[in-house]
N, C-alpha and C. Protein backbone atom coordinates (compact mmCIF):
# COMPACT_ATOMS: atom_id res chain seq x y z
N MET A 1 12.36 -9.29 -5.83
CA MET A 1 11.24 -9.64 -6.71
C MET A 1 10.78 -8.47 -7.54
N LYS A 2 10.38 -8.67 -8.72
CA LYS A 2 10.03 -7.51 -9.54
C LYS A 2 8.66 -7.92 -10.33
N ILE A 3 7.70 -6.93 -10.19
CA ILE A 3 6.43 -7.30 -10.90
C ILE A 3 6.24 -6.02 -11.89
N VAL A 4 6.11 -6.38 -13.22
CA VAL A 4 5.86 -5.26 -14.12
C VAL A 4 4.42 -5.07 -14.23
N VAL A 5 3.98 -3.83 -14.14
CA VAL A 5 2.62 -3.36 -14.16
C VAL A 5 2.26 -3.03 -15.63
N ASP A 6 3.11 -2.02 -16.14
CA ASP A 6 3.04 -1.74 -17.63
C ASP A 6 4.36 -1.22 -17.97
N LYS A 7 4.36 -0.68 -19.25
CA LYS A 7 5.72 -0.24 -19.71
C LYS A 7 6.47 0.85 -19.07
N ASP A 8 5.60 1.54 -18.12
CA ASP A 8 6.25 2.64 -17.32
C ASP A 8 6.36 2.29 -15.86
N ILE A 9 5.43 1.35 -15.42
CA ILE A 9 5.36 1.14 -13.99
C ILE A 9 5.91 -0.28 -13.61
N VAL A 10 6.84 -0.32 -12.52
CA VAL A 10 7.42 -1.54 -12.12
C VAL A 10 7.26 -1.48 -10.61
N LEU A 11 7.07 -2.70 -9.96
CA LEU A 11 7.04 -2.89 -8.60
C LEU A 11 8.31 -3.74 -8.30
N GLU A 12 9.22 -3.31 -7.41
CA GLU A 12 10.35 -3.98 -7.05
C GLU A 12 10.36 -4.10 -5.41
N THR A 13 10.81 -5.17 -4.87
CA THR A 13 10.82 -5.35 -3.47
C THR A 13 11.78 -4.31 -2.83
N LEU A 14 11.34 -3.69 -1.76
CA LEU A 14 12.11 -2.67 -0.99
C LEU A 14 13.34 -3.46 -0.40
N LYS A 15 14.56 -2.77 -0.55
CA LYS A 15 15.71 -3.38 -0.13
C LYS A 15 16.48 -2.24 0.79
N GLU A 16 17.46 -2.74 1.51
CA GLU A 16 18.24 -1.85 2.41
C GLU A 16 18.95 -0.76 1.53
N LYS A 17 19.34 -1.01 0.39
CA LYS A 17 19.97 -0.01 -0.41
C LYS A 17 19.08 1.26 -0.87
N ASP A 18 17.77 0.94 -0.64
CA ASP A 18 16.84 2.01 -0.91
C ASP A 18 16.57 2.94 0.06
N VAL A 19 17.20 2.86 1.23
CA VAL A 19 16.87 3.62 2.43
C VAL A 19 17.00 5.09 2.17
N GLN A 20 18.02 5.54 1.65
CA GLN A 20 18.23 7.13 1.35
C GLN A 20 17.22 7.64 0.52
N GLU A 21 17.07 6.97 -0.68
CA GLU A 21 16.08 7.45 -1.63
C GLU A 21 14.61 7.39 -1.16
N SER A 22 14.40 6.40 -0.36
CA SER A 22 13.09 6.16 0.16
C SER A 22 12.71 7.33 1.24
N PHE A 23 13.69 7.47 2.07
CA PHE A 23 13.54 8.58 3.21
C PHE A 23 13.37 9.85 2.50
N GLU A 24 14.11 10.19 1.40
CA GLU A 24 14.01 11.52 0.81
C GLU A 24 12.65 11.71 0.18
N LEU A 25 12.02 10.63 -0.35
CA LEU A 25 10.78 10.63 -0.89
C LEU A 25 9.72 10.92 0.13
N VAL A 26 9.77 10.29 1.25
CA VAL A 26 8.92 10.56 2.42
C VAL A 26 9.07 11.97 2.85
N ASP A 27 10.27 12.52 3.02
CA ASP A 27 10.62 13.81 3.55
C ASP A 27 10.03 14.83 2.73
N ARG A 28 10.18 14.65 1.30
CA ARG A 28 9.68 15.65 0.29
C ARG A 28 8.22 15.74 0.33
N ASN A 29 7.43 14.58 0.77
CA ASN A 29 6.08 14.51 0.63
C ASN A 29 5.35 14.60 1.98
N ARG A 30 6.17 14.91 3.03
CA ARG A 30 5.76 14.82 4.34
C ARG A 30 4.43 15.44 4.68
N GLY A 31 4.26 16.78 4.27
CA GLY A 31 3.02 17.41 4.42
C GLY A 31 1.78 16.67 3.79
N TYR A 32 2.00 16.20 2.56
CA TYR A 32 0.93 15.53 1.87
C TYR A 32 0.68 14.26 2.54
N LEU A 33 1.59 13.49 2.84
CA LEU A 33 1.33 12.07 3.31
C LEU A 33 0.86 12.09 4.80
N ARG A 34 1.31 12.94 5.61
CA ARG A 34 0.97 12.93 7.03
C ARG A 34 -0.55 13.11 7.28
N GLU A 35 -1.38 13.68 6.21
CA GLU A 35 -2.73 13.83 6.48
C GLU A 35 -3.44 12.58 6.69
N TRP A 36 -2.98 11.41 6.17
CA TRP A 36 -3.70 10.19 6.50
C TRP A 36 -2.77 9.05 6.99
N LEU A 37 -1.50 9.28 7.09
CA LEU A 37 -0.56 8.08 7.48
C LEU A 37 0.17 8.57 8.61
N HIS A 38 -0.12 7.91 9.83
CA HIS A 38 0.32 8.26 11.14
C HIS A 38 1.86 7.91 11.22
N TRP A 39 2.39 7.14 10.46
CA TRP A 39 3.80 6.69 10.57
C TRP A 39 4.78 7.80 10.04
N VAL A 40 4.17 8.80 9.26
CA VAL A 40 5.01 9.77 8.60
C VAL A 40 5.75 10.73 9.70
N ASP A 41 4.97 10.99 10.69
CA ASP A 41 5.60 11.91 11.76
C ASP A 41 6.65 11.12 12.55
N LYS A 42 6.71 9.82 12.54
CA LYS A 42 7.62 9.03 13.26
C LYS A 42 8.84 8.77 12.43
N THR A 43 8.85 9.09 11.20
CA THR A 43 9.87 8.80 10.16
C THR A 43 10.67 10.15 10.00
N LYS A 44 11.61 10.44 10.94
CA LYS A 44 12.35 11.68 10.99
C LYS A 44 13.75 11.72 10.47
N SER A 45 14.16 10.42 10.23
CA SER A 45 15.58 10.38 9.81
C SER A 45 15.75 9.08 8.99
N VAL A 46 16.92 8.97 8.35
CA VAL A 46 17.28 7.82 7.44
C VAL A 46 17.11 6.57 8.39
N GLU A 47 17.64 6.72 9.65
CA GLU A 47 17.68 5.62 10.48
C GLU A 47 16.20 5.14 10.76
N ASP A 48 15.29 5.94 10.93
CA ASP A 48 13.79 5.69 11.11
C ASP A 48 13.37 4.83 9.96
N ARG A 49 13.70 5.35 8.81
CA ARG A 49 13.26 4.63 7.59
C ARG A 49 13.88 3.29 7.47
N MET A 50 15.17 3.19 7.93
CA MET A 50 15.83 1.83 7.93
C MET A 50 15.10 0.91 8.91
N LYS A 51 14.58 1.34 10.00
CA LYS A 51 13.84 0.52 10.81
C LYS A 51 12.62 -0.14 10.10
N TYR A 52 11.95 0.70 9.33
CA TYR A 52 10.85 0.20 8.52
C TYR A 52 11.29 -0.86 7.59
N ILE A 53 12.31 -0.45 6.87
CA ILE A 53 12.81 -1.51 5.76
C ILE A 53 13.20 -2.75 6.45
N ASN A 54 13.78 -2.76 7.59
CA ASN A 54 14.26 -3.97 8.33
C ASN A 54 13.01 -4.77 8.72
N TYR A 55 11.99 -4.08 9.15
CA TYR A 55 10.66 -4.72 9.49
C TYR A 55 10.07 -5.44 8.23
N ALA A 56 10.07 -4.54 7.14
CA ALA A 56 9.65 -5.17 5.87
C ALA A 56 10.40 -6.40 5.47
N LEU A 57 11.63 -6.45 5.58
CA LEU A 57 12.45 -7.49 5.13
C LEU A 57 12.31 -8.71 6.04
N ASN A 58 12.03 -8.55 7.30
CA ASN A 58 11.83 -9.50 8.22
C ASN A 58 10.48 -10.15 7.95
N LYS A 59 9.39 -9.34 7.53
CA LYS A 59 8.10 -9.81 7.15
C LYS A 59 8.25 -10.69 5.87
N GLN A 60 9.06 -10.33 4.87
CA GLN A 60 9.39 -11.07 3.72
C GLN A 60 10.06 -12.30 4.04
N ASN A 61 11.08 -12.28 4.86
CA ASN A 61 11.85 -13.61 5.15
C ASN A 61 10.90 -14.63 5.95
N ASN A 62 9.85 -14.08 6.57
CA ASN A 62 8.89 -14.98 7.35
C ASN A 62 7.71 -15.29 6.45
N ASN A 63 7.86 -14.92 5.24
CA ASN A 63 6.55 -15.17 4.35
C ASN A 63 5.31 -14.66 4.82
N GLU A 64 5.32 -13.32 5.44
CA GLU A 64 4.22 -12.63 6.04
C GLU A 64 3.71 -11.62 5.13
N GLY A 65 4.43 -11.21 4.05
CA GLY A 65 4.08 -10.15 3.17
C GLY A 65 5.28 -9.72 2.40
N LEU A 66 5.06 -8.71 1.62
CA LEU A 66 6.05 -8.02 0.84
C LEU A 66 5.77 -6.44 0.89
N ASP A 67 6.88 -5.71 0.78
CA ASP A 67 6.74 -4.22 0.51
C ASP A 67 7.50 -3.95 -0.82
N PHE A 68 6.79 -3.24 -1.65
CA PHE A 68 7.38 -2.88 -2.99
C PHE A 68 7.61 -1.37 -3.07
N LYS A 69 8.63 -1.02 -3.74
CA LYS A 69 8.61 0.38 -4.16
C LYS A 69 8.03 0.50 -5.54
N ILE A 70 7.27 1.51 -5.71
CA ILE A 70 6.70 1.91 -7.01
C ILE A 70 7.58 2.65 -7.87
N LYS A 71 7.92 2.19 -8.95
CA LYS A 71 8.88 3.02 -9.85
C LYS A 71 8.07 3.36 -11.15
N TYR A 72 8.17 4.62 -11.32
CA TYR A 72 7.49 5.15 -12.64
C TYR A 72 8.56 5.77 -13.57
N CYS A 73 8.72 5.16 -14.80
CA CYS A 73 9.85 5.55 -15.73
C CYS A 73 11.20 5.55 -14.82
N ASP A 74 11.33 4.55 -14.07
CA ASP A 74 12.54 4.22 -13.31
C ASP A 74 12.91 5.30 -12.10
N THR A 75 11.78 5.99 -11.71
CA THR A 75 11.96 6.87 -10.68
C THR A 75 11.04 6.37 -9.46
N LEU A 76 11.53 6.36 -8.20
CA LEU A 76 10.78 5.96 -7.07
C LEU A 76 9.74 6.88 -6.77
N ILE A 77 8.42 6.57 -6.74
CA ILE A 77 7.45 7.53 -6.54
C ILE A 77 6.43 7.00 -5.43
N GLY A 78 6.64 5.87 -4.88
CA GLY A 78 5.74 5.47 -3.74
C GLY A 78 6.03 4.09 -3.34
N SER A 79 5.03 3.50 -2.75
CA SER A 79 5.22 2.21 -2.08
C SER A 79 3.77 1.47 -2.05
N ILE A 80 3.88 0.25 -2.25
CA ILE A 80 2.76 -0.68 -2.06
C ILE A 80 3.17 -1.99 -1.56
N GLY A 81 2.28 -2.63 -0.75
CA GLY A 81 2.72 -3.85 -0.16
C GLY A 81 1.46 -4.58 0.33
N TYR A 82 1.69 -5.81 0.85
CA TYR A 82 0.72 -6.60 1.28
C TYR A 82 1.22 -7.36 2.60
N ASP A 83 0.23 -7.60 3.44
CA ASP A 83 0.52 -8.53 4.70
C ASP A 83 -0.49 -9.74 4.50
N LEU A 84 0.21 -10.92 4.73
CA LEU A 84 -0.64 -12.06 4.65
C LEU A 84 -1.25 -12.35 6.03
N GLY A 85 -2.53 -12.70 6.03
CA GLY A 85 -3.20 -12.97 7.28
C GLY A 85 -3.72 -14.48 7.30
N ASP A 86 -4.49 -14.78 8.28
CA ASP A 86 -4.97 -16.04 8.51
C ASP A 86 -6.09 -16.41 7.47
N PHE A 87 -6.25 -17.68 7.29
CA PHE A 87 -7.36 -18.20 6.36
C PHE A 87 -7.20 -17.62 4.95
N LYS A 88 -5.93 -17.66 4.38
CA LYS A 88 -5.65 -17.31 2.96
C LYS A 88 -6.16 -15.93 2.67
N SER A 89 -5.85 -14.97 3.55
CA SER A 89 -6.24 -13.59 3.34
C SER A 89 -5.06 -12.74 3.15
N ALA A 90 -5.24 -11.52 2.71
CA ALA A 90 -4.17 -10.47 2.56
C ALA A 90 -4.76 -9.15 2.64
N GLU A 91 -3.99 -8.10 3.04
CA GLU A 91 -4.32 -6.72 3.20
C GLU A 91 -3.25 -6.03 2.44
N ILE A 92 -3.78 -5.11 1.63
CA ILE A 92 -2.88 -4.25 0.82
C ILE A 92 -2.97 -2.80 1.43
N GLY A 93 -1.78 -2.27 1.27
CA GLY A 93 -1.59 -0.78 1.68
C GLY A 93 -0.79 -0.17 0.59
N TYR A 94 -0.94 1.33 0.52
CA TYR A 94 -0.19 1.99 -0.54
C TYR A 94 -0.09 3.48 -0.05
N TRP A 95 0.89 4.11 -0.72
CA TRP A 95 1.05 5.54 -0.81
C TRP A 95 1.81 6.02 -1.99
N ILE A 96 1.57 7.22 -2.32
CA ILE A 96 2.32 7.67 -3.54
C ILE A 96 2.69 9.21 -3.48
N GLU A 97 3.72 9.58 -4.09
CA GLU A 97 4.27 11.06 -4.10
C GLU A 97 3.04 11.92 -4.70
N LYS A 98 2.84 12.92 -4.14
CA LYS A 98 1.81 14.01 -4.49
C LYS A 98 1.77 14.23 -5.86
N GLN A 99 2.79 14.58 -6.58
CA GLN A 99 2.80 14.93 -8.00
C GLN A 99 2.23 13.77 -8.89
N TYR A 100 2.24 12.53 -8.40
CA TYR A 100 1.71 11.37 -9.19
C TYR A 100 0.37 10.91 -8.83
N SER A 101 -0.19 11.53 -7.80
CA SER A 101 -1.40 11.19 -7.30
C SER A 101 -2.58 11.65 -8.33
N GLY A 102 -3.59 10.68 -8.45
CA GLY A 102 -4.67 11.10 -9.36
C GLY A 102 -4.49 10.71 -10.78
N LYS A 103 -3.34 10.00 -11.12
CA LYS A 103 -3.03 9.56 -12.56
C LYS A 103 -3.40 8.13 -12.82
N GLY A 104 -3.98 7.43 -11.75
CA GLY A 104 -4.27 6.02 -12.05
C GLY A 104 -3.23 5.00 -11.71
N ILE A 105 -1.99 5.52 -11.29
CA ILE A 105 -0.90 4.62 -11.08
C ILE A 105 -1.23 3.71 -9.98
N VAL A 106 -1.73 4.17 -8.79
CA VAL A 106 -1.88 3.29 -7.65
C VAL A 106 -2.97 2.27 -8.09
N THR A 107 -4.03 2.71 -8.83
CA THR A 107 -5.02 1.75 -9.12
C THR A 107 -4.39 0.60 -10.08
N LYS A 108 -3.53 0.93 -10.93
CA LYS A 108 -2.88 -0.07 -11.75
C LYS A 108 -2.07 -0.95 -10.98
N CYS A 109 -1.29 -0.42 -9.95
CA CYS A 109 -0.42 -1.23 -9.10
C CYS A 109 -1.24 -2.09 -8.31
N CYS A 110 -2.37 -1.64 -7.71
CA CYS A 110 -3.24 -2.59 -6.76
C CYS A 110 -3.84 -3.65 -7.87
N GLU A 111 -4.23 -3.38 -8.97
CA GLU A 111 -4.74 -4.34 -9.85
C GLU A 111 -3.74 -5.40 -10.16
N ARG A 112 -2.65 -5.14 -10.38
CA ARG A 112 -1.46 -6.07 -10.59
C ARG A 112 -1.21 -6.87 -9.47
N LEU A 113 -1.12 -6.18 -8.29
CA LEU A 113 -0.82 -6.84 -7.06
C LEU A 113 -1.97 -7.81 -6.65
N ILE A 114 -3.23 -7.49 -6.95
CA ILE A 114 -4.32 -8.36 -6.63
C ILE A 114 -4.27 -9.57 -7.58
N GLU A 115 -3.90 -9.40 -8.83
CA GLU A 115 -3.66 -10.59 -9.85
C GLU A 115 -2.72 -11.38 -9.10
N TYR A 116 -1.50 -10.98 -8.67
CA TYR A 116 -0.46 -11.80 -8.11
C TYR A 116 -0.97 -12.52 -6.90
N LEU A 117 -1.62 -11.79 -6.11
CA LEU A 117 -2.10 -12.43 -4.79
C LEU A 117 -3.11 -13.54 -5.01
N PHE A 118 -3.94 -13.36 -5.94
CA PHE A 118 -4.98 -14.38 -6.28
C PHE A 118 -4.41 -15.59 -7.17
N LYS A 119 -3.68 -15.25 -8.15
CA LYS A 119 -3.12 -16.27 -9.03
C LYS A 119 -2.00 -16.85 -8.51
N GLU A 120 -1.04 -16.25 -7.97
CA GLU A 120 0.25 -16.77 -7.54
C GLU A 120 0.27 -17.28 -6.00
N LEU A 121 -0.25 -16.52 -5.31
CA LEU A 121 -0.24 -16.93 -3.73
C LEU A 121 -1.60 -17.62 -3.35
N LYS A 122 -2.58 -17.70 -4.32
CA LYS A 122 -3.80 -18.35 -4.02
C LYS A 122 -4.57 -17.99 -2.78
N VAL A 123 -4.46 -16.58 -2.51
CA VAL A 123 -5.18 -16.11 -1.41
C VAL A 123 -6.79 -16.17 -1.82
N HIS A 124 -7.59 -16.13 -0.80
CA HIS A 124 -9.04 -16.18 -0.96
C HIS A 124 -9.71 -14.83 -0.81
N ARG A 125 -9.09 -14.05 -0.04
CA ARG A 125 -9.75 -12.70 0.26
C ARG A 125 -8.64 -11.69 0.41
N ILE A 126 -8.94 -10.52 -0.10
CA ILE A 126 -8.05 -9.28 0.01
C ILE A 126 -8.87 -8.20 0.59
N VAL A 127 -8.24 -7.52 1.48
CA VAL A 127 -8.79 -6.31 2.23
C VAL A 127 -8.02 -5.10 1.98
N ILE A 128 -8.57 -3.88 1.76
CA ILE A 128 -7.95 -2.65 1.76
C ILE A 128 -8.66 -1.77 2.76
N LYS A 129 -7.99 -1.24 3.75
CA LYS A 129 -8.49 -0.34 4.80
C LYS A 129 -8.12 1.15 4.40
N VAL A 130 -9.12 1.99 4.35
CA VAL A 130 -8.79 3.40 4.06
C VAL A 130 -9.53 4.47 4.99
N ALA A 131 -8.84 5.42 5.30
CA ALA A 131 -9.50 6.49 6.13
C ALA A 131 -10.72 6.89 5.61
N GLU A 132 -11.83 6.92 6.45
CA GLU A 132 -13.17 7.22 6.00
C GLU A 132 -13.24 8.47 5.17
N LYS A 133 -12.47 9.53 5.57
CA LYS A 133 -12.55 10.80 4.87
C LYS A 133 -11.62 10.95 3.67
N ASN A 134 -10.83 9.96 3.50
CA ASN A 134 -9.86 10.03 2.30
C ASN A 134 -10.54 9.53 1.02
N ILE A 135 -11.24 10.42 0.50
CA ILE A 135 -12.23 10.07 -0.55
C ILE A 135 -11.31 9.57 -1.77
N LYS A 136 -10.22 10.21 -2.15
CA LYS A 136 -9.42 9.78 -3.29
C LYS A 136 -9.03 8.48 -3.11
N SER A 137 -8.48 8.16 -1.93
CA SER A 137 -7.93 6.72 -1.77
C SER A 137 -9.11 5.60 -1.71
N ARG A 138 -10.30 6.08 -1.28
CA ARG A 138 -11.37 5.06 -1.19
C ARG A 138 -11.91 4.75 -2.62
N LYS A 139 -11.70 5.63 -3.64
CA LYS A 139 -11.99 5.34 -4.99
C LYS A 139 -11.24 4.09 -5.54
N ILE A 140 -10.15 3.93 -5.02
CA ILE A 140 -9.33 2.80 -5.66
C ILE A 140 -10.00 1.50 -5.41
N PRO A 141 -10.21 1.07 -4.26
CA PRO A 141 -10.88 -0.40 -4.08
C PRO A 141 -12.29 -0.26 -4.68
N GLU A 142 -12.96 0.82 -4.72
CA GLU A 142 -14.33 0.87 -5.37
C GLU A 142 -14.11 0.64 -6.79
N ARG A 143 -13.14 1.28 -7.47
CA ARG A 143 -13.04 1.11 -8.89
C ARG A 143 -12.57 -0.32 -9.20
N LEU A 144 -12.00 -1.03 -8.37
CA LEU A 144 -11.48 -2.36 -8.59
C LEU A 144 -12.53 -3.43 -8.22
N GLY A 145 -13.73 -3.01 -7.82
CA GLY A 145 -14.69 -3.95 -7.58
C GLY A 145 -14.85 -4.54 -6.19
N PHE A 146 -14.09 -3.92 -5.23
CA PHE A 146 -14.23 -4.30 -3.84
C PHE A 146 -15.53 -3.87 -3.24
N LYS A 147 -15.99 -4.62 -2.25
CA LYS A 147 -17.20 -4.21 -1.53
C LYS A 147 -16.90 -3.69 -0.19
N GLN A 148 -17.61 -2.51 0.11
CA GLN A 148 -17.53 -1.95 1.38
C GLN A 148 -18.06 -2.89 2.42
N GLU A 149 -17.23 -3.31 3.39
CA GLU A 149 -17.69 -4.35 4.22
C GLU A 149 -18.21 -3.73 5.70
N GLY A 150 -17.59 -2.52 5.93
CA GLY A 150 -17.95 -1.87 7.23
C GLY A 150 -16.98 -0.71 7.44
N ILE A 151 -17.26 -0.09 8.75
CA ILE A 151 -16.46 0.94 9.05
C ILE A 151 -15.96 0.62 10.48
N LEU A 152 -14.69 0.85 10.76
CA LEU A 152 -14.16 0.60 12.12
C LEU A 152 -14.02 2.11 12.66
N ARG A 153 -14.92 2.28 13.60
CA ARG A 153 -14.99 3.66 14.19
C ARG A 153 -13.85 3.94 15.09
N ASP A 154 -13.44 5.18 14.94
CA ASP A 154 -12.39 5.75 15.82
C ASP A 154 -11.29 4.76 16.03
N VAL A 155 -10.77 4.15 15.00
CA VAL A 155 -9.63 3.09 15.09
C VAL A 155 -8.27 3.61 15.00
N ASP A 156 -8.15 4.92 14.61
CA ASP A 156 -6.81 5.44 14.48
C ASP A 156 -6.90 6.84 15.00
N ILE A 157 -5.62 7.42 15.51
CA ILE A 157 -5.50 8.78 15.87
C ILE A 157 -4.56 9.47 15.02
N LEU A 158 -5.00 10.51 14.38
CA LEU A 158 -4.06 11.32 13.38
C LEU A 158 -4.18 12.72 13.97
N HIS A 159 -2.92 13.24 14.27
CA HIS A 159 -2.95 14.55 14.79
C HIS A 159 -3.86 14.97 15.90
N GLY A 160 -4.02 13.97 16.85
CA GLY A 160 -4.71 14.18 18.07
C GLY A 160 -6.26 14.08 17.96
N GLN A 161 -6.71 13.57 16.66
CA GLN A 161 -8.14 13.36 16.45
C GLN A 161 -8.31 11.84 16.08
N TYR A 162 -9.44 11.28 16.55
CA TYR A 162 -9.86 9.90 16.11
C TYR A 162 -10.32 10.02 14.72
N HIS A 163 -9.98 8.80 14.04
CA HIS A 163 -10.38 8.70 12.61
C HIS A 163 -10.99 7.31 12.40
N SER A 164 -11.87 7.13 11.67
CA SER A 164 -12.45 5.78 11.27
C SER A 164 -11.88 5.25 9.93
N ASP A 165 -11.85 4.07 9.83
CA ASP A 165 -11.36 3.37 8.53
C ASP A 165 -12.58 2.66 7.88
N VAL A 166 -12.69 2.78 6.62
CA VAL A 166 -13.69 1.91 5.81
C VAL A 166 -12.86 0.66 5.43
N ILE A 167 -13.60 -0.44 5.49
CA ILE A 167 -12.94 -1.82 5.23
C ILE A 167 -13.60 -2.18 3.86
N TYR A 168 -12.75 -2.40 2.94
CA TYR A 168 -13.21 -2.97 1.55
C TYR A 168 -12.58 -4.36 1.52
N GLY A 169 -13.40 -5.22 0.92
CA GLY A 169 -12.93 -6.53 0.76
C GLY A 169 -13.38 -7.18 -0.64
N ILE A 170 -12.66 -8.06 -1.19
CA ILE A 170 -13.03 -8.79 -2.32
C ILE A 170 -12.59 -10.28 -2.29
N LEU A 171 -13.43 -11.24 -2.73
CA LEU A 171 -13.06 -12.55 -2.72
C LEU A 171 -12.50 -12.94 -4.13
N GLU A 172 -11.80 -13.84 -4.18
CA GLU A 172 -11.12 -14.41 -5.48
C GLU A 172 -12.25 -14.64 -6.48
N ASN A 173 -13.39 -15.29 -6.23
CA ASN A 173 -14.31 -15.70 -7.16
C ASN A 173 -15.06 -14.31 -7.57
N GLU A 174 -15.13 -13.21 -6.84
CA GLU A 174 -15.75 -11.97 -7.25
C GLU A 174 -14.84 -11.21 -8.13
N TYR A 175 -13.59 -11.29 -7.97
CA TYR A 175 -12.62 -10.53 -8.84
C TYR A 175 -12.56 -11.21 -10.20
N ASN A 176 -12.51 -12.47 -10.24
CA ASN A 176 -12.54 -13.01 -11.65
C ASN A 176 -13.88 -12.73 -12.46
N LYS A 177 -14.92 -12.34 -11.78
CA LYS A 177 -16.19 -12.15 -12.45
C LYS A 177 -16.31 -10.66 -12.99
N LYS A 178 -15.33 -9.80 -12.54
CA LYS A 178 -15.48 -8.42 -12.95
C LYS A 178 -14.83 -8.24 -14.29
């Protein structure tokens, strides 16, 4: 599946053939990504990345969600995806290469994915969970009109320290009003 975000940005479903390029992207950005993403330390080889891609493909085959590669000017720069939940809900997650961070790319990708989820999949509610101290990432759902619904205290362990997540949510009728 392919979703065009704009003339430079395209989302394409992650496939087995992407494993090497995807692993190299994670590996190049390991220090940057591991600050907020616990899975980075567990991704030590191409085989580890392949396990994730197989998980993503299984999720896709079971209609439980999709994982996309973010391509900017035909270059792989990150990933965005969604998991489908109960009661017509979805949760979005994302990450991007350091050099492309802060350029509005993830916000545009989220916006396009949100439109797809509400219009094509007819979900009712979308959630984005962000580490409480990850201020840059928290600005994305805030910019897109999500409401802060709460904080899950000490829900994750990163580098031996507990971290809390902020939960942002938006309903289909709220998104159409923005």
